[in-house]
Amino acid sequence: MSSVGFVLILLNVLDHVNICISHEELSRVLLISLDGFRWDYLDMVNNKGHPTPNFQMLIDNGVVVKSPGVRNAFVTVTMPNHYTLVTGLYEESHGIVENEFYDPVFNETFTIPNSLQLKWWNGTGMQKVEPIWVTNDAVGDEHHASGAFFWPGSDVIGMQPRYHSTSPYNDSIPFSVRANTVIGWFTQKHEPINFGALYYHEPDETGHLHGPNSAEMVVMIVTLDQYIGDMIKILKEKGIFNELNIVLTSDHGMAEMTENVYLDDYVDSSLYSWFGGSPVANILPKAGLFQSVICSTVNFSSYCKILSIIHTHVLYAGLLLTAIQRVKFSCV
C-alpha cells in the first residue's frame, strides 16, 4: 500500500505582515483539521471540472505543502495523529497509539467513548506531554488563552484549554457551529483567545462510506470548500481575517483497497485478542503463546530466534501487525 500524505495550508496575513512587538500585538493562530483530507483531493476534484475557490484563495495567498513534503505519524488514524499535531511527539512518546488499543499496565482498553481520563494522554513516562493549548494557557496573562472545539484530547479533564466544547463529541454538530464558536472566542471582549483549534470529521466519513475516489467524495470536497468560504466571510466581517495565521491540515489520507487479506487464514484467532482496526491491528497473544503466534505468521518466521532472547515483560506489551480487516477502504 502506497504512502499517502496530506495537505497543509498556511495563510499568513494576506494584506500585510505584522511584526509582534508586544503582548498586545501577539500573533493569533487558528488550527483547522479536516479529517482524512488526502493530499491530492483538490487536484482530483479540480481535474473533474469542479473549482474550489476558497481553498485556492488560501493556497494563492499562503504556503502549501504537499506529499512527500509532509509525513503523518504511524499509526495513521485520527486520535494518534491529531495528538501528534498538537504535542509535536511521536505516538510511542505521547501514548495514543491507535483509536483503540489495549494497555497492559492499566489492564484496560482505550476506546473513543472512554478516552476522557487523563492517564491515557499524559505520556508513557519518558517525557512531559503537553498539548499546545496547555502550554499557551500556562503563560497565565490576559493575552494568552486557548480554545478548542472537538480536537482530540481537548475535552480530557485536567488537560482542557480555557475554552472548549461543553458537550460530548457529536458528528451531527455542523461545521458552521464549530467555526462560529471558535471565532467567537477570538473576538470576545473578555480574555479572547490567541490560539484556536477546530476539528471536523469530513471528508474521512465520506471516504469510508463511499471510497476516496468516489463521486460522493467530489461532492464532499466541494462542500468543504463552501464551508471554508463561509468561515472566511465571517472572519472578514469580524475584522480579524488579516490578523489570523490559519493552518489548515489533516491527519491522514485514504487509499482504495484492491484486495483483502484475512488474518484468520494465517493465525488461529483463538490464540490472541484483537484491538484497533484499519489499517493496523493490535493483537495480544494469550499468555504463553506469544512466540507461537509470531512463528505461525507468514513472513515472521525469521524473527523467532530474536524473540527467544527478549524478556517476557517486554513481550506482553503487545504487537502491532499490519493485518487488514474485512473492510473495503483503509486510512493510510
Foldseek 3Di string as FASTA:
>chain_A
DDAWFKKKFKAAFQPDHDDDDDLVLDFFAEEEAAAQHTQCLQVLLVVVPFHLVQVVVRVVRTPMDGPPRDHFAPPQHQQQRLLCVFFVDGCQWQQCHFCWDAFPVVRDIHHPVPPQECVRGQTDPPDGTAGNLRVQCVVPDLSGFEEEEPRRPQNRPPRHTPYYDPDPDDLPPDPLVQLVVLVCLQQDPGSRHRYYYYYHHPPVVVCQVANCNDPVVSVVVSVVSVSSVVSLVVCVVSVCNSRYTYIYMYRFHKDFDDDADAVCVQFPPVQWDWMHAFQKIWIFGDPPCQLVRQCSGPPRVVCSVVVVPDDPVVNRSTDIDRHHDPGGMGTD
